[in-house]
Amino acid sequence: RSYWPDKKIGAAVIRQTIKYDNVKKL
């Protein structure tokens, strides 16, 4: 926007988790 702060019109939050399974070796 020219005379005002830019406007947020959408958002996304992505959370990714990695964990090692020592039994299955995965």
PDB file of all heavy atoms in Angstrom:
ATOM      1  N   ARG A   1       0.855  -1.185   0.000  1.00  0.00           N
ATOM      2  CA  ARG A   1       0.000   0.000   0.000  1.00  0.00           C
ATOM      3  C   ARG A   1       0.894   1.240   0.000  1.00  0.00           C
ATOM      4  O   ARG A   1       1.955   1.252   0.644  1.00  0.00           O
ATOM      5  CB  ARG A   1      -0.928  -0.004   1.220  1.00  0.00           C
ATOM      6  CG  ARG A   1      -1.896  -1.185   1.213  1.00  0.00           C
ATOM      7  CD  ARG A   1      -3.033  -1.008   2.191  1.00  0.00           C
ATOM      8  NE  ARG A   1      -2.597  -1.055   3.575  1.00  0.00           N
ATOM      9  CZ  ARG A   1      -3.444  -1.046   4.624  1.00  0.00           C
ATOM     10  NH1 ARG A   1      -4.755  -0.985   4.415  1.00  0.00           N
ATOM     11  NH2 ARG A   1      -2.987  -1.095   5.856  1.00  0.00           N
ATOM     12  N   SER A   2       0.474   2.269  -0.706  1.00  0.00           N
ATOM     13  CA  SER A   2       1.321   3.447  -0.926  1.00  0.00           C
ATOM     14  C   SER A   2       1.476   4.316   0.309  1.00  0.00           C
ATOM     15  O   SER A   2       2.574   4.703   0.677  1.00  0.00           O
ATOM     16  CB  SER A   2       0.758   4.285  -2.081  1.00  0.00           C
ATOM     17  OG  SER A   2       0.744   3.533  -3.285  1.00  0.00           O
ATOM     18  N   TYR A   3       0.381   4.639   0.968  1.00  0.00           N
ATOM     19  CA  TYR A   3       0.439   5.596   2.060  1.00  0.00           C
ATOM     20  C   TYR A   3       0.166   4.977   3.431  1.00  0.00           C
ATOM     21  O   TYR A   3       0.095   5.685   4.428  1.00  0.00           O
ATOM     22  CB  TYR A   3      -0.570   6.728   1.804  1.00  0.00           C
ATOM     23  CG  TYR A   3      -0.334   7.422   0.484  1.00  0.00           C
ATOM     24  CD1 TYR A   3      -1.161   7.185  -0.613  1.00  0.00           C
ATOM     25  CD2 TYR A   3       0.743   8.290   0.319  1.00  0.00           C
ATOM     26  CE1 TYR A   3      -0.936   7.800  -1.829  1.00  0.00           C
ATOM     27  CE2 TYR A   3       0.974   8.918  -0.894  1.00  0.00           C
ATOM     28  CZ  TYR A   3       0.130   8.670  -1.970  1.00  0.00           C
ATOM     29  OH  TYR A   3       0.370   9.283  -3.171  1.00  0.00           O
ATOM     30  N   TRP A   4       0.025   3.675   3.464  1.00  0.00           N
ATOM     31  CA  TRP A   4      -0.218   2.957   4.704  1.00  0.00           C
ATOM     32  C   TRP A   4       0.725   1.762   4.784  1.00  0.00           C
ATOM     33  O   TRP A   4       1.272   1.323   3.765  1.00  0.00           O
ATOM     34  CB  TRP A   4      -1.668   2.461   4.775  1.00  0.00           C
ATOM     35  CG  TRP A   4      -2.690   3.558   4.766  1.00  0.00           C
ATOM     36  CD1 TRP A   4      -3.302   4.095   3.678  1.00  0.00           C
ATOM     37  CD2 TRP A   4      -3.182   4.264   5.897  1.00  0.00           C
ATOM     38  NE1 TRP A   4      -4.160   5.091   4.038  1.00  0.00           N
ATOM     39  CE2 TRP A   4      -4.116   5.222   5.408  1.00  0.00           C
ATOM     40  CE3 TRP A   4      -2.958   4.198   7.274  1.00  0.00           C
ATOM     41  CZ2 TRP A   4      -4.800   6.095   6.243  1.00  0.00           C
ATOM     42  CZ3 TRP A   4      -3.644   5.055   8.104  1.00  0.00           C
ATOM     43  CH2 TRP A   4      -4.548   5.990   7.600  1.00  0.00           C
ATOM     44  N   PRO A   5       0.950   1.232   5.983  1.00  0.00           N
ATOM     45  CA  PRO A   5       1.762   0.009   6.081  1.00  0.00           C
ATOM     46  C   PRO A   5       1.148  -1.108   5.240  1.00  0.00           C
ATOM     47  O   PRO A   5      -0.076  -1.202   5.107  1.00  0.00           O
ATOM     48  CB  PRO A   5       1.711  -0.325   7.579  1.00  0.00           C
ATOM     49  CG  PRO A   5       1.430   0.975   8.252  1.00  0.00           C
ATOM     50  CD  PRO A   5       0.533   1.735   7.310  1.00  0.00           C
ATOM     51  N   ASP A   6       1.991  -1.930   4.663  1.00  0.00           N
ATOM     52  CA  ASP A   6       1.506  -3.045   3.854  1.00  0.00           C
ATOM     53  C   ASP A   6       0.564  -3.923   4.688  1.00  0.00           C
ATOM     54  O   ASP A   6       0.770  -4.119   5.891  1.00  0.00           O
ATOM     55  CB  ASP A   6       2.670  -3.870   3.331  1.00  0.00           C
ATOM     56  CG  ASP A   6       3.545  -3.075   2.367  1.00  0.00           C
ATOM     57  OD1 ASP A   6       3.107  -1.997   1.931  1.00  0.00           O
ATOM     58  OD2 ASP A   6       4.670  -3.528   2.073  1.00  0.00           O
ATOM     59  N   LYS A   7      -0.436  -4.470   4.033  1.00  0.00           N
ATOM     60  CA  LYS A   7      -1.472  -5.228   4.732  1.00  0.00           C
ATOM     61  C   LYS A   7      -1.266  -6.738   4.570  1.00  0.00           C
ATOM     62  O   LYS A   7      -1.122  -7.237   3.451  1.00  0.00           O
ATOM     63  CB  LYS A   7      -2.852  -4.842   4.197  1.00  0.00           C
ATOM     64  CG  LYS A   7      -4.004  -5.551   4.902  1.00  0.00           C
ATOM     65  CD  LYS A   7      -5.356  -5.104   4.360  1.00  0.00           C
ATOM     66  CE  LYS A   7      -6.499  -5.786   5.084  1.00  0.00           C
ATOM     67  NZ  LYS A   7      -7.825  -5.362   4.570  1.00  0.00           N
ATOM     68  N   LYS A   8      -1.265  -7.439   5.689  1.00  0.00           N
ATOM     69  CA  LYS A   8      -1.195  -8.905   5.645  1.00  0.00           C
ATOM     70  C   LYS A   8      -2.580  -9.438   5.302  1.00  0.00           C
ATOM     71  O   LYS A   8      -3.555  -9.144   5.988  1.00  0.00           O
ATOM     72  CB  LYS A   8      -0.732  -9.486   6.980  1.00  0.00           C
ATOM     73  CG  LYS A   8      -0.584 -11.004   6.953  1.00  0.00           C
ATOM     74  CD  LYS A   8      -0.403 -11.592   8.344  1.00  0.00           C
ATOM     75  CE  LYS A   8       0.902 -11.185   8.964  1.00  0.00           C
ATOM     76  NZ  LYS A   8       1.153 -11.932  10.242  1.00  0.00           N
ATOM     77  N   ILE A   9      -2.652 -10.242   4.244  1.00  0.00           N
ATOM     78  CA  ILE A   9      -3.953 -10.764   3.820  1.00  0.00           C
ATOM     79  C   ILE A   9      -4.048 -12.284   3.947  1.00  0.00           C
ATOM     80  O   ILE A   9      -5.090 -12.871   3.670  1.00  0.00           O
ATOM     81  CB  ILE A   9      -4.257 -10.353   2.361  1.00  0.00           C
ATOM     82  CG1 ILE A   9      -3.189 -10.920   1.416  1.00  0.00           C
ATOM     83  CG2 ILE A   9      -4.361  -8.844   2.237  1.00  0.00           C
ATOM     84  CD1 ILE A   9      -3.504 -10.658  -0.050  1.00  0.00           C
ATOM     85  N   GLY A  10      -2.965 -12.918   4.361  1.00  0.00           N
ATOM     86  CA  GLY A  10      -2.996 -14.367   4.546  1.00  0.00           C
ATOM     87  C   GLY A  10      -1.725 -14.843   5.227  1.00  0.00           C
ATOM     88  O   GLY A  10      -0.695 -14.150   5.200  1.00  0.00           O
ATOM     89  N   ALA A  11      -1.789 -16.006   5.845  1.00  0.00           N
ATOM     90  CA  ALA A  11      -0.623 -16.537   6.553  1.00  0.00           C
ATOM     91  C   ALA A  11      -0.753 -18.042   6.709  1.00  0.00           C
ATOM     92  O   ALA A  11      -1.854 -18.600   6.659  1.00  0.00           O
ATOM     93  CB  ALA A  11      -0.464 -15.867   7.914  1.00  0.00           C
ATOM     94  N   ALA A  12       0.405 -18.679   6.905  1.00  0.00           N
ATOM     95  CA  ALA A  12       0.442 -20.124   7.162  1.00  0.00           C
ATOM     96  C   ALA A  12       1.599 -20.411   8.110  1.00  0.00           C
ATOM     97  O   ALA A  12       2.647 -19.755   8.052  1.00  0.00           O
ATOM     98  CB  ALA A  12       0.604 -20.911   5.872  1.00  0.00           C
ATOM     99  N   VAL A  13       1.391 -21.377   9.004  1.00  0.00           N
ATOM    100  CA  VAL A  13       2.439 -21.838   9.917  1.00  0.00           C
ATOM    101  C   VAL A  13       2.595 -23.341   9.722  1.00  0.00           C
ATOM    102  O   VAL A  13       1.639 -24.099   9.881  1.00  0.00           O
ATOM    103  CB  VAL A  13       2.090 -21.523  11.388  1.00  0.00           C
ATOM    104  CG1 VAL A  13       3.178 -22.061  12.314  1.00  0.00           C
ATOM    105  CG2 VAL A  13       1.906 -20.023  11.593  1.00  0.00           C
ATOM    106  N   ILE A  14       3.797 -23.750   9.358  1.00  0.00           N
ATOM    107  CA  ILE A  14       4.074 -25.165   9.095  1.00  0.00           C
ATOM    108  C   ILE A  14       5.070 -25.659  10.142  1.00  0.00           C
ATOM    109  O   ILE A  14       6.172 -25.119  10.261  1.00  0.00           O
ATOM    110  CB  ILE A  14       4.654 -25.376   7.682  1.00  0.00           C
ATOM    111  CG1 ILE A  14       3.757 -24.732   6.629  1.00  0.00           C
ATOM    112  CG2 ILE A  14       4.843 -26.867   7.415  1.00  0.00           C
ATOM    113  CD1 ILE A  14       2.367 -25.297   6.563  1.00  0.00           C
ATOM    114  N   ARG A  15       4.680 -26.702  10.891  1.00  0.00           N
ATOM    115  CA  ARG A  15       5.583 -27.294  11.885  1.00  0.00           C
ATOM    116  C   ARG A  15       5.886 -28.738  11.485  1.00  0.00           C
ATOM    117  O   ARG A  15       4.986 -29.538  11.308  1.00  0.00           O
ATOM    118  CB  ARG A  15       4.950 -27.249  13.278  1.00  0.00           C
ATOM    119  CG  ARG A  15       4.841 -25.853  13.858  1.00  0.00           C
ATOM    120  CD  ARG A  15       4.368 -25.883  15.319  1.00  0.00           C
ATOM    121  NE  ARG A  15       4.357 -24.533  15.891  1.00  0.00           N
ATOM    122  CZ  ARG A  15       3.320 -23.716  15.831  1.00  0.00           C
ATOM    123  NH1 ARG A  15       2.198 -24.106  15.229  1.00  0.00           N
ATOM    124  NH2 ARG A  15       3.387 -22.512  16.361  1.00  0.00           N
ATOM    125  N   GLN A  16       7.168 -29.012  11.361  1.00  0.00           N
ATOM    126  CA  GLN A  16       7.621 -30.350  10.971  1.00  0.00           C
ATOM    127  C   GLN A  16       8.557 -30.897  12.046  1.00  0.00           C
ATOM    128  O   GLN A  16       9.481 -30.202  12.475  1.00  0.00           O
ATOM    129  CB  GLN A  16       8.336 -30.283   9.614  1.00  0.00           C
ATOM    130  CG  GLN A  16       7.451 -29.713   8.524  1.00  0.00           C
ATOM    131  CD  GLN A  16       8.109 -29.688   7.154  1.00  0.00           C
ATOM    132  OE1 GLN A  16       7.420 -29.615   6.142  1.00  0.00           O
ATOM    133  NE2 GLN A  16       9.434 -29.721   7.088  1.00  0.00           N
ATOM    134  N   THR A  17       8.317 -32.133  12.439  1.00  0.00           N
ATOM    135  CA  THR A  17       9.104 -32.756  13.505  1.00  0.00           C
ATOM    136  C   THR A  17       9.724 -34.050  13.007  1.00  0.00           C
ATOM    137  O   THR A  17       9.050 -34.866  12.368  1.00  0.00           O
ATOM    138  CB  THR A  17       8.225 -33.041  14.741  1.00  0.00           C
ATOM    139  OG1 THR A  17       7.661 -31.815  15.209  1.00  0.00           O
ATOM    140  CG2 THR A  17       9.046 -33.679  15.855  1.00  0.00           C
ATOM    141  N   ILE A  18      10.997 -34.217  13.319  1.00  0.00           N
ATOM    142  CA  ILE A  18      11.691 -35.458  12.972  1.00  0.00           C
ATOM    143  C   ILE A  18      12.074 -36.182  14.253  1.00  0.00           C
ATOM    144  O   ILE A  18      12.518 -35.560  15.223  1.00  0.00           O
ATOM    145  CB  ILE A  18      12.944 -35.182  12.108  1.00  0.00           C
ATOM    146  CG1 ILE A  18      13.575 -36.495  11.642  1.00  0.00           C
ATOM    147  CG2 ILE A  18      13.954 -34.328  12.843  1.00  0.00           C
ATOM    148  CD1 ILE A  18      14.697 -36.298  10.648  1.00  0.00           C
ATOM    149  N   LYS A  19      11.870 -37.493  14.265  1.00  0.00           N
ATOM    150  CA  LYS A  19      12.211 -38.312  15.425  1.00  0.00           C
ATOM    151  C   LYS A  19      12.691 -39.676  14.944  1.00  0.00           C
ATOM    152  O   LYS A  19      12.111 -40.252  14.019  1.00  0.00           O
ATOM    153  CB  LYS A  19      11.001 -38.478  16.350  1.00  0.00           C
ATOM    154  CG  LYS A  19      11.335 -39.117  17.700  1.00  0.00           C
ATOM    155  CD  LYS A  19      10.108 -39.219  18.588  1.00  0.00           C
ATOM    156  CE  LYS A  19      10.472 -39.649  20.001  1.00  0.00           C
ATOM    157  NZ  LYS A  19      11.264 -40.889  20.065  1.00  0.00           N
ATOM    158  N   TYR A  20      13.738 -40.168  15.583  1.00  0.00           N
ATOM    159  CA  TYR A  20      14.311 -41.454  15.203  1.00  0.00           C
ATOM    160  C   TYR A  20      13.747 -42.561  16.079  1.00  0.00           C
ATOM    161  O   TYR A  20      13.742 -42.465  17.311  1.00  0.00           O
ATOM    162  CB  TYR A  20      15.828 -41.414  15.340  1.00  0.00           C
ATOM    163  CG  TYR A  20      16.515 -42.699  14.917  1.00  0.00           C
ATOM    164  CD1 TYR A  20      16.376 -43.180  13.619  1.00  0.00           C
ATOM    165  CD2 TYR A  20      17.295 -43.421  15.815  1.00  0.00           C
ATOM    166  CE1 TYR A  20      16.996 -44.354  13.224  1.00  0.00           C
ATOM    167  CE2 TYR A  20      17.925 -44.592  15.421  1.00  0.00           C
ATOM    168  CZ  TYR A  20      17.771 -45.053  14.133  1.00  0.00           C
ATOM    169  OH  TYR A  20      18.386 -46.215  13.742  1.00  0.00           O
ATOM    170  N   ASP A  21      13.231 -43.595  15.426  1.00  0.00           N
ATOM    171  CA  ASP A  21      12.735 -44.788  16.114  1.00  0.00           C
ATOM    172  C   ASP A  21      13.865 -45.804  16.147  1.00  0.00           C
ATOM    173  O   ASP A  21      14.178 -46.432  15.129  1.00  0.00           O
ATOM    174  CB  ASP A  21      11.518 -45.354  15.383  1.00  0.00           C
ATOM    175  CG  ASP A  21      10.847 -46.479  16.158  1.00  0.00           C
ATOM    176  OD1 ASP A  21      11.557 -47.242  16.840  1.00  0.00           O
ATOM    177  OD2 ASP A  21       9.607 -46.603  16.078  1.00  0.00           O
ATOM    178  N   ASN A  22      14.486 -45.963  17.305  1.00  0.00           N
ATOM    179  CA  ASN A  22      15.654 -46.830  17.419  1.00  0.00           C
ATOM    180  C   ASN A  22      15.303 -48.305  17.295  1.00  0.00           C
ATOM    181  O   ASN A  22      16.169 -49.128  16.977  1.00  0.00           O
ATOM    182  CB  ASN A  22      16.361 -46.581  18.762  1.00  0.00           C
ATOM    183  CG  ASN A  22      17.718 -47.240  18.817  1.00  0.00           C
ATOM    184  OD1 ASN A  22      18.527 -47.102  17.911  1.00  0.00           O
ATOM    185  ND2 ASN A  22      17.967 -47.971  19.894  1.00  0.00           N
ATOM    186  N   VAL A  23      14.036 -48.640  17.537  1.00  0.00           N
ATOM    187  CA  VAL A  23      13.615 -50.036  17.423  1.00  0.00           C
ATOM    188  C   VAL A  23      13.427 -50.411  15.950  1.00  0.00           C
ATOM    189  O   VAL A  23      13.943 -51.429  15.474  1.00  0.00           O
ATOM    190  CB  VAL A  23      12.321 -50.279  18.220  1.00  0.00           C
ATOM    191  CG1 VAL A  23      11.834 -51.714  18.011  1.00  0.00           C
ATOM    192  CG2 VAL A  23      12.544 -49.983  19.698  1.00  0.00           C
ATOM    193  N   LYS A  24      12.680 -49.579  15.225  1.00  0.00           N
ATOM    194  CA  LYS A  24      12.427 -49.840  13.808  1.00  0.00           C
ATOM    195  C   LYS A  24      13.542 -49.340  12.900  1.00  0.00           C
ATOM    196  O   LYS A  24      13.535 -49.633  11.700  1.00  0.00           O
ATOM    197  CB  LYS A  24      11.113 -49.186  13.393  1.00  0.00           C
ATOM    198  CG  LYS A  24       9.896 -49.717  14.134  1.00  0.00           C
ATOM    199  CD  LYS A  24       8.617 -49.027  13.662  1.00  0.00           C
ATOM    200  CE  LYS A  24       7.400 -49.552  14.386  1.00  0.00           C
ATOM    201  NZ  LYS A  24       6.152 -48.867  13.946  1.00  0.00           N
ATOM    202  N   LYS A  25      14.484 -48.586  13.465  1.00  0.00           N
ATOM    203  CA  LYS A  25      15.587 -48.010  12.690  1.00  0.00           C
ATOM    204  C   LYS A  25      15.063 -47.128  11.558  1.00  0.00           C
ATOM    205  O   LYS A  25      15.524 -47.194  10.424  1.00  0.00           O
ATOM    206  CB  LYS A  25      16.488 -49.114  12.119  1.00  0.00           C
ATOM    207  CG  LYS A  25      17.008 -50.092  13.152  1.00  0.00           C
ATOM    208  CD  LYS A  25      17.845 -49.407  14.222  1.00  0.00           C
ATOM    209  CE  LYS A  25      18.384 -50.408  15.241  1.00  0.00           C
ATOM    210  NZ  LYS A  25      19.139 -49.745  16.335  1.00  0.00           N
ATOM    211  N   LEU A  26      14.093 -46.286  11.900  1.00  0.00           N
ATOM    212  CA  LEU A  26      13.486 -45.397  10.915  1.00  0.00           C
ATOM    213  C   LEU A  26      13.419 -43.972  11.458  1.00  0.00           C
ATOM    214  O   LEU A  26      13.238 -43.753  12.659  1.00  0.00           O
ATOM    215  CB  LEU A  26      12.072 -45.863  10.559  1.00  0.00           C
ATOM    216  CG  LEU A  26      11.928 -47.170   9.780  1.00  0.00           C
ATOM    217  CD1 LEU A  26      10.455 -47.538   9.656  1.00  0.00           C
ATOM    218  CD2 LEU A  26      12.573 -47.062   8.400  1.00  0.00           C
TER     219      LEU A  26
END
